[in-house]
């Protein structure tokens, strides 16, 4: 390794090793292999699915656009996107990335989010499905 006085072997992390690092609380680890650096960054990913009543699609998209515009300004928000399914226009999928669970929890308390939930809930065909993951970005 450049700048190293000894001939250390590069650190190569396997998925089980990465899992152990994440369990012990490391937020970032650098792995050098074949002169490439891979950064393992811990993030919180939220994926939510909502099914909107067909006569409320335009209003729901407007509400989604509004909450997105405010949410991306919140501390800890790295991504806040939503997509309308090409197979079913009434299905909207949210993909969010947060730098911590605390940032996501704070987002859930913001007036813009609470207003969005109060607005969109009466327009839903079924209960929302929300999945929250702790994930590592490999790159």
N, C-alpha and C. Protein backbone atom coordinates (compact mmCIF):
# COMPACT_ATOMS: atom_id res chain seq x y z
N UNK A 1 0.84 -1.17 0.00
CA UNK A 1 0.00 0.00 0.00
C UNK A 1 0.88 1.24 0.00
N UNK A 2 0.46 2.23 -0.71
CA UNK A 2 1.22 3.46 -0.83
C UNK A 2 1.41 4.10 0.53
N UNK A 3 2.64 4.54 0.80
CA UNK A 3 2.91 5.23 2.05
C UNK A 3 3.08 4.30 3.24
N UNK A 4 3.01 3.01 3.03
CA UNK A 4 3.12 2.06 4.13
C UNK A 4 4.53 1.48 4.13
N UNK A 5 5.14 1.41 5.32
CA UNK A 5 6.49 0.89 5.41
C UNK A 5 6.52 -0.63 5.39
N UNK A 6 5.43 -1.27 5.76
CA UNK A 6 5.38 -2.72 5.73
C UNK A 6 4.52 -3.17 4.56
N UNK A 7 4.64 -4.41 4.22
CA UNK A 7 3.89 -4.97 3.10
C UNK A 7 2.62 -5.61 3.62
N UNK A 8 1.64 -4.77 4.00
CA UNK A 8 0.38 -5.28 4.51
C UNK A 8 -0.49 -5.78 3.37
N UNK A 9 -1.18 -6.87 3.62
CA UNK A 9 -2.15 -7.36 2.63
C UNK A 9 -3.36 -6.44 2.66
N UNK A 10 -3.97 -6.20 1.50
CA UNK A 10 -5.16 -5.34 1.49
C UNK A 10 -6.29 -5.96 2.31
N UNK A 11 -7.08 -5.11 2.91
CA UNK A 11 -8.22 -5.54 3.69
C UNK A 11 -9.37 -5.85 2.73
N UNK A 12 -9.84 -7.06 2.74
CA UNK A 12 -10.96 -7.46 1.90
C UNK A 12 -12.09 -7.89 2.80
N UNK A 13 -13.23 -7.24 2.67
CA UNK A 13 -14.38 -7.56 3.52
C UNK A 13 -15.38 -8.42 2.76
N UNK A 14 -15.74 -9.52 3.34
CA UNK A 14 -16.80 -10.34 2.78
C UNK A 14 -18.12 -9.86 3.36
N UNK A 15 -19.24 -10.30 2.82
CA UNK A 15 -20.52 -9.88 3.36
C UNK A 15 -20.68 -10.24 4.83
N UNK A 16 -20.27 -11.44 5.28
CA UNK A 16 -20.37 -11.71 6.73
C UNK A 16 -19.52 -10.75 7.55
N UNK A 17 -18.32 -10.40 7.05
CA UNK A 17 -17.47 -9.46 7.78
C UNK A 17 -18.13 -8.09 7.81
N UNK A 18 -18.73 -7.68 6.73
CA UNK A 18 -19.43 -6.40 6.70
C UNK A 18 -20.57 -6.41 7.71
N UNK A 19 -21.30 -7.51 7.77
CA UNK A 19 -22.38 -7.63 8.75
C UNK A 19 -21.88 -7.46 10.17
N UNK A 20 -20.74 -8.07 10.49
CA UNK A 20 -20.17 -7.94 11.83
C UNK A 20 -19.77 -6.49 12.11
N UNK A 21 -19.21 -5.80 11.10
CA UNK A 21 -18.84 -4.40 11.30
C UNK A 21 -20.08 -3.56 11.58
N UNK A 22 -21.15 -3.79 10.84
CA UNK A 22 -22.37 -3.02 11.02
C UNK A 22 -22.99 -3.31 12.38
N UNK A 23 -22.95 -4.56 12.82
CA UNK A 23 -23.50 -4.92 14.13
C UNK A 23 -22.74 -4.24 15.25
N UNK A 24 -21.45 -4.01 15.05
CA UNK A 24 -20.65 -3.39 16.11
C UNK A 24 -20.69 -1.87 16.04
N UNK A 25 -21.44 -1.32 15.11
CA UNK A 25 -21.67 0.12 15.11
C UNK A 25 -20.79 0.94 14.19
N UNK A 26 -19.93 0.32 13.37
CA UNK A 26 -19.13 1.08 12.44
C UNK A 26 -20.03 1.69 11.37
N UNK A 27 -19.86 2.96 11.09
CA UNK A 27 -20.65 3.63 10.07
C UNK A 27 -19.95 3.60 8.72
N UNK A 28 -18.65 3.52 8.70
CA UNK A 28 -17.91 3.55 7.44
C UNK A 28 -16.65 2.71 7.58
N UNK A 29 -16.36 1.95 6.57
CA UNK A 29 -15.14 1.15 6.55
C UNK A 29 -14.59 1.21 5.14
N UNK A 30 -13.29 1.37 5.03
CA UNK A 30 -12.67 1.43 3.71
C UNK A 30 -12.00 0.10 3.43
N UNK A 31 -12.24 -0.42 2.26
CA UNK A 31 -11.65 -1.69 1.84
C UNK A 31 -10.81 -1.41 0.60
N UNK A 32 -9.55 -1.81 0.62
CA UNK A 32 -8.71 -1.64 -0.56
C UNK A 32 -8.47 -3.00 -1.18
N UNK A 33 -8.73 -3.11 -2.43
CA UNK A 33 -8.52 -4.34 -3.16
C UNK A 33 -8.32 -3.98 -4.62
N UNK A 34 -7.22 -4.43 -5.18
CA UNK A 34 -6.93 -4.15 -6.60
C UNK A 34 -6.97 -2.65 -6.90
N UNK A 35 -6.42 -1.87 -5.98
CA UNK A 35 -6.31 -0.42 -6.11
C UNK A 35 -7.66 0.30 -6.17
N UNK A 36 -8.71 -0.37 -5.86
CA UNK A 36 -10.04 0.26 -5.83
C UNK A 36 -10.44 0.43 -4.38
N UNK A 37 -11.09 1.52 -4.09
CA UNK A 37 -11.61 1.74 -2.74
C UNK A 37 -13.11 1.54 -2.78
N UNK A 38 -13.59 0.79 -1.84
CA UNK A 38 -15.01 0.55 -1.70
C UNK A 38 -15.41 1.07 -0.33
N UNK A 39 -16.38 1.96 -0.29
CA UNK A 39 -16.85 2.53 0.97
C UNK A 39 -18.15 1.84 1.36
N UNK A 40 -18.20 1.36 2.56
CA UNK A 40 -19.41 0.75 3.08
C UNK A 40 -20.08 1.80 3.98
N UNK A 41 -21.15 2.40 3.51
CA UNK A 41 -21.84 3.44 4.27
C UNK A 41 -23.17 2.90 4.76
N UNK A 42 -23.43 3.10 6.01
CA UNK A 42 -24.68 2.66 6.60
C UNK A 42 -25.74 3.72 6.37
N UNK A 43 -26.91 3.30 5.92
CA UNK A 43 -28.02 4.23 5.72
C UNK A 43 -29.32 3.52 6.07
N UNK A 44 -30.35 4.30 6.21
CA UNK A 44 -31.69 3.79 6.45
C UNK A 44 -32.48 4.01 5.16
N UNK A 45 -33.09 2.95 4.68
CA UNK A 45 -33.87 3.00 3.44
C UNK A 45 -35.32 2.69 3.77
N UNK A 46 -36.21 3.54 3.30
CA UNK A 46 -37.64 3.31 3.45
C UNK A 46 -38.24 3.09 2.08
N UNK A 47 -39.02 2.04 1.95
CA UNK A 47 -39.78 1.78 0.73
C UNK A 47 -41.23 1.64 1.17
N UNK A 48 -42.09 2.46 0.59
CA UNK A 48 -43.51 2.43 0.97
C UNK A 48 -44.35 2.26 -0.29
N UNK A 49 -45.42 1.50 -0.14
CA UNK A 49 -46.36 1.23 -1.24
C UNK A 49 -47.74 1.72 -0.82
N UNK A 50 -48.35 2.52 -1.67
CA UNK A 50 -49.72 2.95 -1.41
C UNK A 50 -50.57 2.69 -2.65
N UNK A 51 -51.82 2.38 -2.41
CA UNK A 51 -52.80 2.14 -3.48
C UNK A 51 -53.87 3.20 -3.34
N UNK A 52 -53.94 4.08 -4.33
CA UNK A 52 -54.82 5.24 -4.28
C UNK A 52 -56.12 4.96 -5.05
N UNK A 53 -57.21 5.53 -4.59
CA UNK A 53 -58.47 5.41 -5.31
C UNK A 53 -58.31 6.00 -6.72
N UNK A 54 -58.86 5.35 -7.73
CA UNK A 54 -58.65 5.81 -9.11
C UNK A 54 -59.06 7.27 -9.36
N UNK A 55 -60.09 7.75 -8.70
CA UNK A 55 -60.53 9.13 -8.92
C UNK A 55 -59.72 10.15 -8.13
N UNK A 56 -58.69 9.69 -7.39
CA UNK A 56 -57.87 10.60 -6.56
C UNK A 56 -56.40 10.61 -6.99
N UNK A 57 -56.09 10.01 -8.13
CA UNK A 57 -54.69 9.88 -8.55
C UNK A 57 -54.02 11.25 -8.70
N UNK A 58 -54.64 12.17 -9.42
CA UNK A 58 -54.02 13.48 -9.66
C UNK A 58 -53.78 14.22 -8.35
N UNK A 59 -54.74 14.17 -7.44
CA UNK A 59 -54.59 14.83 -6.15
C UNK A 59 -53.49 14.17 -5.31
N UNK A 60 -53.41 12.85 -5.38
CA UNK A 60 -52.39 12.12 -4.63
C UNK A 60 -51.00 12.46 -5.15
N UNK A 61 -50.83 12.53 -6.47
CA UNK A 61 -49.54 12.87 -7.05
C UNK A 61 -49.14 14.29 -6.64
N UNK A 62 -50.10 15.21 -6.63
CA UNK A 62 -49.81 16.59 -6.19
C UNK A 62 -49.37 16.61 -4.73
N UNK A 63 -50.04 15.83 -3.87
CA UNK A 63 -49.67 15.76 -2.46
C UNK A 63 -48.27 15.15 -2.30
N UNK A 64 -47.97 14.12 -3.08
CA UNK A 64 -46.65 13.48 -3.04
C UNK A 64 -45.56 14.47 -3.47
N UNK A 65 -45.85 15.23 -4.50
CA UNK A 65 -44.89 16.22 -4.99
C UNK A 65 -44.61 17.28 -3.92
N UNK A 66 -45.66 17.72 -3.25
CA UNK A 66 -45.50 18.73 -2.21
C UNK A 66 -44.67 18.22 -1.03
N UNK A 67 -44.99 17.02 -0.53
CA UNK A 67 -44.24 16.50 0.62
C UNK A 67 -42.80 16.19 0.24
N UNK A 68 -42.58 15.75 -0.98
CA UNK A 68 -41.21 15.49 -1.43
C UNK A 68 -40.39 16.78 -1.41
N UNK A 69 -40.96 17.87 -1.93
CA UNK A 69 -40.25 19.14 -1.99
C UNK A 69 -39.79 19.64 -0.63
N UNK A 70 -40.58 19.38 0.39
CA UNK A 70 -40.22 19.79 1.75
C UNK A 70 -39.30 18.78 2.44
N UNK A 71 -39.53 17.50 2.17
CA UNK A 71 -38.75 16.44 2.84
C UNK A 71 -37.29 16.46 2.44
N UNK A 72 -37.00 16.75 1.17
CA UNK A 72 -35.60 16.75 0.74
C UNK A 72 -34.78 17.84 1.41
N UNK A 73 -35.44 18.80 2.02
CA UNK A 73 -34.74 19.88 2.74
C UNK A 73 -34.43 19.51 4.19
N UNK A 74 -34.99 18.42 4.66
CA UNK A 74 -34.79 18.02 6.06
C UNK A 74 -33.38 17.47 6.29
N UNK A 75 -32.82 17.74 7.47
CA UNK A 75 -31.51 17.17 7.80
C UNK A 75 -31.55 15.65 7.76
N UNK A 76 -30.54 15.06 7.14
CA UNK A 76 -30.45 13.60 7.09
C UNK A 76 -31.14 12.96 5.91
N UNK A 77 -31.87 13.73 5.10
CA UNK A 77 -32.54 13.16 3.94
C UNK A 77 -31.58 13.16 2.75
N UNK A 78 -31.23 11.97 2.29
CA UNK A 78 -30.32 11.83 1.15
C UNK A 78 -31.08 11.59 -0.15
N UNK A 79 -32.29 11.07 -0.06
CA UNK A 79 -33.12 10.81 -1.25
C UNK A 79 -34.57 10.69 -0.79
N UNK A 80 -35.45 11.25 -1.60
CA UNK A 80 -36.88 11.14 -1.32
C UNK A 80 -37.58 11.17 -2.68
N UNK A 81 -37.87 10.02 -3.20
CA UNK A 81 -38.49 9.91 -4.52
C UNK A 81 -39.78 9.11 -4.42
N UNK A 82 -40.66 9.34 -5.37
CA UNK A 82 -41.84 8.50 -5.50
C UNK A 82 -42.08 8.23 -6.97
N UNK A 83 -42.70 7.08 -7.23
CA UNK A 83 -42.92 6.62 -8.59
C UNK A 83 -44.33 6.06 -8.73
N UNK A 84 -44.92 6.31 -9.85
CA UNK A 84 -46.22 5.74 -10.17
C UNK A 84 -45.96 4.48 -10.97
N UNK A 85 -46.60 3.38 -10.60
CA UNK A 85 -46.38 2.12 -11.28
C UNK A 85 -46.84 2.20 -12.74
N UNK A 86 -46.02 1.72 -13.67
CA UNK A 86 -46.44 1.71 -15.08
C UNK A 86 -47.54 0.68 -15.35
N UNK A 87 -47.65 -0.33 -14.49
CA UNK A 87 -48.68 -1.35 -14.66
C UNK A 87 -50.01 -0.97 -14.03
N UNK A 88 -49.95 -0.13 -12.99
CA UNK A 88 -51.15 0.23 -12.25
C UNK A 88 -51.01 1.68 -11.78
N UNK A 89 -51.67 2.59 -12.44
CA UNK A 89 -51.53 4.02 -12.15
C UNK A 89 -51.96 4.39 -10.73
N UNK A 90 -52.71 3.52 -10.07
CA UNK A 90 -53.16 3.82 -8.71
C UNK A 90 -52.12 3.42 -7.65
N UNK A 91 -51.05 2.79 -8.08
CA UNK A 91 -50.02 2.33 -7.14
C UNK A 91 -48.84 3.30 -7.16
N UNK A 92 -48.50 3.83 -6.00
CA UNK A 92 -47.38 4.76 -5.85
C UNK A 92 -46.37 4.13 -4.90
N UNK A 93 -45.10 4.20 -5.30
CA UNK A 93 -44.01 3.63 -4.50
C UNK A 93 -43.06 4.76 -4.10
N UNK A 94 -42.76 4.82 -2.82
CA UNK A 94 -41.81 5.79 -2.29
C UNK A 94 -40.48 5.10 -2.02
N UNK A 95 -39.39 5.76 -2.36
CA UNK A 95 -38.04 5.28 -2.05
C UNK A 95 -37.32 6.43 -1.37
N UNK A 96 -36.94 6.20 -0.12
CA UNK A 96 -36.28 7.25 0.67
C UNK A 96 -34.98 6.70 1.24
N UNK A 97 -33.98 7.56 1.33
CA UNK A 97 -32.72 7.23 1.98
C UNK A 97 -32.43 8.29 3.03
N UNK A 98 -32.14 7.83 4.24
CA UNK A 98 -31.86 8.72 5.38
C UNK A 98 -30.52 8.33 5.97
N UNK A 99 -29.81 9.31 6.51
CA UNK A 99 -28.50 8.98 7.06
C UNK A 99 -28.56 8.32 8.43
N UNK A 100 -29.76 8.30 9.05
CA UNK A 100 -29.91 7.60 10.33
C UNK A 100 -31.39 7.34 10.61
N UNK A 101 -31.66 6.41 11.49
CA UNK A 101 -33.03 6.14 11.92
C UNK A 101 -33.58 7.35 12.67
N UNK A 102 -32.71 8.04 13.41
CA UNK A 102 -33.14 9.24 14.14
C UNK A 102 -33.64 10.31 13.17
N UNK A 103 -32.96 10.49 12.03
CA UNK A 103 -33.41 11.47 11.03
C UNK A 103 -34.76 11.07 10.45
N UNK A 104 -34.95 9.79 10.19
CA UNK A 104 -36.24 9.31 9.67
C UNK A 104 -37.34 9.50 10.72
N UNK A 105 -37.04 9.17 11.97
CA UNK A 105 -38.02 9.35 13.03
C UNK A 105 -38.43 10.82 13.17
N UNK A 106 -37.46 11.72 13.04
CA UNK A 106 -37.76 13.15 13.10
C UNK A 106 -38.63 13.58 11.91
N UNK A 107 -38.36 13.00 10.74
CA UNK A 107 -39.17 13.27 9.54
C UNK A 107 -40.64 12.94 9.79
N UNK A 108 -40.88 11.82 10.48
CA UNK A 108 -42.25 11.39 10.75
C UNK A 108 -43.01 12.38 11.65
N UNK A 109 -42.29 13.27 12.32
CA UNK A 109 -42.91 14.25 13.21
C UNK A 109 -43.08 15.63 12.58
N UNK A 110 -42.56 15.80 11.38
CA UNK A 110 -42.62 17.11 10.72
C UNK A 110 -44.04 17.44 10.27
N UNK A 111 -44.44 18.71 10.38
CA UNK A 111 -45.78 19.11 9.96
C UNK A 111 -46.10 18.75 8.50
N UNK A 112 -45.12 18.87 7.62
CA UNK A 112 -45.37 18.54 6.20
C UNK A 112 -45.73 17.07 6.03
N UNK A 113 -45.02 16.19 6.75
CA UNK A 113 -45.32 14.76 6.65
C UNK A 113 -46.66 14.45 7.29
N UNK A 114 -46.91 15.00 8.47
CA UNK A 114 -48.18 14.74 9.16
C UNK A 114 -49.37 15.23 8.33
N UNK A 115 -49.22 16.38 7.68
CA UNK A 115 -50.26 16.90 6.81
C UNK A 115 -50.47 15.99 5.60
N UNK A 116 -49.36 15.50 5.04
CA UNK A 116 -49.44 14.57 3.91
C UNK A 116 -50.23 13.31 4.27
N UNK A 117 -49.90 12.74 5.41
CA UNK A 117 -50.58 11.51 5.86
C UNK A 117 -52.07 11.78 6.07
N UNK A 118 -52.40 12.89 6.71
CA UNK A 118 -53.81 13.23 6.93
C UNK A 118 -54.55 13.47 5.62
N UNK A 119 -53.84 14.02 4.65
CA UNK A 119 -54.46 14.31 3.34
C UNK A 119 -54.68 13.03 2.53
N UNK A 120 -53.65 12.18 2.46
CA UNK A 120 -53.70 11.04 1.54
C UNK A 120 -54.44 9.83 2.11
N UNK A 121 -54.46 9.68 3.43
CA UNK A 121 -55.09 8.48 4.01
C UNK A 121 -56.53 8.24 3.55
N UNK A 122 -57.39 9.25 3.48
CA UNK A 122 -58.76 8.99 3.03
C UNK A 122 -58.85 8.55 1.56
N UNK A 123 -57.80 8.78 0.80
CA UNK A 123 -57.80 8.42 -0.62
C UNK A 123 -57.24 7.03 -0.89
N UNK A 124 -56.81 6.31 0.14
CA UNK A 124 -56.18 5.01 -0.06
C UNK A 124 -57.21 3.90 -0.18
N UNK A 125 -56.93 2.99 -1.09
CA UNK A 125 -57.78 1.81 -1.29
C UNK A 125 -57.51 0.76 -0.21
N UNK A 126 -56.23 0.63 0.17
CA UNK A 126 -55.80 -0.35 1.17
C UNK A 126 -54.81 0.33 2.11
N UNK A 127 -54.48 -0.36 3.18
CA UNK A 127 -53.48 0.17 4.12
C UNK A 127 -52.13 0.28 3.42
N UNK A 128 -51.37 1.30 3.78
CA UNK A 128 -50.02 1.47 3.24
C UNK A 128 -49.13 0.33 3.72
N UNK A 129 -48.18 -0.03 2.88
CA UNK A 129 -47.15 -1.01 3.27
C UNK A 129 -45.84 -0.25 3.34
N UNK A 130 -45.23 -0.21 4.52
CA UNK A 130 -43.99 0.54 4.71
C UNK A 130 -42.92 -0.42 5.21
N UNK A 131 -41.79 -0.42 4.52
CA UNK A 131 -40.65 -1.25 4.91
C UNK A 131 -39.46 -0.34 5.18
N UNK A 132 -38.81 -0.55 6.32
CA UNK A 132 -37.64 0.24 6.68
C UNK A 132 -36.46 -0.71 6.86
N UNK A 133 -35.38 -0.40 6.16
CA UNK A 133 -34.19 -1.24 6.16
C UNK A 133 -32.99 -0.44 6.65
N UNK A 134 -32.08 -1.12 7.35
CA UNK A 134 -30.77 -0.58 7.60
C UNK A 134 -29.89 -1.23 6.55
N UNK A 135 -29.25 -0.43 5.74
CA UNK A 135 -28.57 -0.95 4.58
C UNK A 135 -27.17 -0.38 4.45
N UNK A 136 -26.33 -1.06 3.69
CA UNK A 136 -24.99 -0.55 3.42
C UNK A 136 -24.88 -0.24 1.95
N UNK A 137 -24.36 0.92 1.64
CA UNK A 137 -24.07 1.31 0.28
C UNK A 137 -22.71 0.77 -0.08
N UNK A 138 -22.64 -0.05 -1.09
CA UNK A 138 -21.37 -0.64 -1.49
C UNK A 138 -20.80 0.14 -2.68
N UNK A 139 -20.02 1.13 -2.40
CA UNK A 139 -19.36 1.90 -3.46
C UNK A 139 -18.81 3.18 -2.94
